[in-house]
C-alpha atoms as a PDB file:
ATOM      1  CA  MET A   1     -32.456   3.457  -2.419  1.00  0.00           C
ATOM      2  CA  GLN A   2     -29.282   4.177  -4.358  1.00  0.00           C
ATOM      3  CA  LEU A   3     -27.922   1.233  -6.325  1.00  0.00           C
ATOM      4  CA  ARG A   4     -24.396   1.615  -4.925  1.00  0.00           C
ATOM      5  CA  THR A   5     -25.603   1.610  -1.291  1.00  0.00           C
ATOM      6  CA  ARG A   6     -27.459  -1.700  -1.532  1.00  0.00           C
ATOM      7  CA  PRO A   7     -26.043  -4.695   0.385  1.00  0.00           C
ATOM      8  CA  GLU A   8     -25.082  -6.052  -3.068  1.00  0.00           C
ATOM      9  CA  PRO A   9     -23.983  -2.835  -4.886  1.00  0.00           C
ATOM     10  CA  ILE A  10     -24.929  -2.313  -8.541  1.00  0.00           C
ATOM     11  CA  ASP A  11     -23.072  -0.193 -11.115  1.00  0.00           C
ATOM     12  CA  PHE A  12     -25.421   1.109 -13.821  1.00  0.00           C
ATOM     13  CA  TYR A  13     -24.345   3.432 -16.600  1.00  0.00           C
ATOM     14  CA  GLU A  14     -26.611   4.345 -19.458  1.00  0.00           C
ATOM     15  CA  GLU A  15     -25.565   7.127 -21.790  1.00  0.00           C
ATOM     16  CA  LEU A  16     -29.181   7.655 -22.892  1.00  0.00           C
ATOM     17  CA  GLN A  17     -30.225   8.921 -19.447  1.00  0.00           C
ATOM     18  CA  SER A  18     -28.428  12.234 -19.921  1.00  0.00           C
ATOM     19  CA  THR A  19     -30.392  13.157 -23.077  1.00  0.00           C
ATOM     20  CA  TYR A  20     -33.631  11.141 -22.994  1.00  0.00           C
ATOM     21  CA  LYS A  21     -36.379  10.416 -20.489  1.00  0.00           C
ATOM     22  CA  LEU A  22     -37.514   6.813 -20.048  1.00  0.00           C
ATOM     23  CA  LEU A  23     -41.298   6.618 -20.420  1.00  0.00           C
ATOM     24  CA  GLU A  24     -41.712   2.852 -20.276  1.00  0.00           C
ATOM     25  CA  TYR A  25     -39.949  -0.398 -21.031  1.00  0.00           C
ATOM     26  CA  ARG A  26     -40.896  -3.939 -21.979  1.00  0.00           C
ATOM     27  CA  LEU A  27     -38.835  -7.065 -21.359  1.00  0.00           C
ATOM     28  CA  LEU A  28     -38.692  -9.119 -24.576  1.00  0.00           C
ATOM     29  CA  GLY A  29     -36.325 -11.924 -23.648  1.00  0.00           C
ATOM     30  CA  VAL A  30     -33.615 -13.281 -21.398  1.00  0.00           C
ATOM     31  CA  ASP A  31     -30.399 -15.045 -22.460  1.00  0.00           C
ATOM     32  CA  VAL A  32     -28.699 -17.081 -19.727  1.00  0.00           C
ATOM     33  CA  SER A  33     -26.289 -18.999 -21.970  1.00  0.00           C
ATOM     34  CA  ASP A  34     -23.251 -17.302 -20.333  1.00  0.00           C
ATOM     35  CA  LYS A  35     -22.703 -18.230 -16.663  1.00  0.00           C
ATOM     36  CA  ASP A  36     -21.149 -14.822 -15.886  1.00  0.00           C
ATOM     37  CA  VAL A  37     -23.577 -12.532 -17.731  1.00  0.00           C
ATOM     38  CA  ILE A  38     -27.354 -12.454 -18.126  1.00  0.00           C
ATOM     39  CA  ARG A  39     -28.583 -10.544 -21.194  1.00  0.00           C
ATOM     40  CA  TYR A  40     -32.004  -8.901 -21.297  1.00  0.00           C
ATOM     41  CA  THR A  41     -33.560  -7.741 -24.556  1.00  0.00           C
ATOM     42  CA  VAL A  42     -35.891  -4.800 -23.988  1.00  0.00           C
ATOM     43  CA  THR A  43     -37.955  -2.264 -25.878  1.00  0.00           C
ATOM     44  CA  LEU A  44     -37.544   1.252 -24.499  1.00  0.00           C
ATOM     45  CA  LYS A  45     -40.046   4.045 -25.010  1.00  0.00           C
ATOM     46  CA  LEU A  46     -38.080   7.282 -24.650  1.00  0.00           C
ATOM     47  CA  ALA A  47     -38.782  10.981 -25.042  1.00  0.00           C
ATOM     48  CA  ASP A  48     -36.286  13.465 -26.423  1.00  0.00           C
ATOM     49  CA  LYS A  49     -35.680  16.899 -24.853  1.00  0.00           C
ATOM     50  CA  LYS A  50     -38.699  18.315 -26.715  1.00  0.00           C
ATOM     51  CA  GLY A  51     -40.921  15.523 -25.368  1.00  0.00           C
ATOM     52  CA  LYS A  52     -41.239  13.664 -28.675  1.00  0.00           C
ATOM     53  CA  PRO A  53     -41.572   9.921 -27.921  1.00  0.00           C
ATOM     54  CA  PHE A  54     -39.791   7.172 -29.842  1.00  0.00           C
ATOM     55  CA  THR A  55     -39.059   3.470 -29.363  1.00  0.00           C
ATOM     56  CA  ARG A  56     -35.698   1.723 -29.330  1.00  0.00           C
ATOM     57  CA  GLU A  57     -34.716  -1.916 -28.803  1.00  0.00           C
ATOM     58  CA  ALA A  58     -31.633  -2.663 -26.713  1.00  0.00           C
ATOM     59  CA  VAL A  59     -29.848  -5.521 -24.985  1.00  0.00           C
ATOM     60  CA  TYR A  60     -28.549  -5.021 -21.455  1.00  0.00           C
ATOM     61  CA  ALA A  61     -25.858  -7.246 -19.993  1.00  0.00           C
ATOM     62  CA  VAL A  62     -25.893  -7.876 -16.261  1.00  0.00           C
ATOM     63  CA  ALA A  63     -22.430  -9.012 -15.113  1.00  0.00           C
ATOM     64  CA  LEU A  64     -22.767 -11.243 -12.069  1.00  0.00           C
ATOM     65  CA  ARG A  65     -19.843  -9.959 -10.017  1.00  0.00           C
ATOM     66  CA  SER A  66     -19.403  -7.579  -7.111  1.00  0.00           C
ATOM     67  CA  PRO A  67     -20.432  -4.929  -7.722  1.00  0.00           C
ATOM     68  CA  ILE A  68     -23.045  -6.163 -10.191  1.00  0.00           C
ATOM     69  CA  ALA A  69     -22.635  -4.198 -13.433  1.00  0.00           C
ATOM     70  CA  VAL A  70     -25.475  -3.354 -15.822  1.00  0.00           C
ATOM     71  CA  THR A  71     -24.434  -2.064 -19.260  1.00  0.00           C
ATOM     72  CA  ARG A  72     -25.900  -1.869 -22.730  1.00  0.00           C
ATOM     73  CA  ASP A  73     -24.439  -4.709 -24.788  1.00  0.00           C
ATOM     74  CA  PRO A  74     -22.992  -3.201 -28.004  1.00  0.00           C
ATOM     75  CA  TYR A  75     -22.704  -6.585 -29.753  1.00  0.00           C
ATOM     76  CA  TYR A  76     -26.450  -7.306 -29.811  1.00  0.00           C
END
């Protein structure tokens, strides 16, 4: 199901998806200290266009509004 067609639509933009393939991910932690945003720390295993795998850590912010917005948090 498309994220935007869900009963509670979700906007998700990740600039990595245009150049890398997600192989796996691992949830490392959750920060719920902000009532409007939940932050998830993850480890991403990606592959470049040649198929070479590498690992990157990132923090995603989930804004609890309508539509829900999921973005990479540049401050973490």
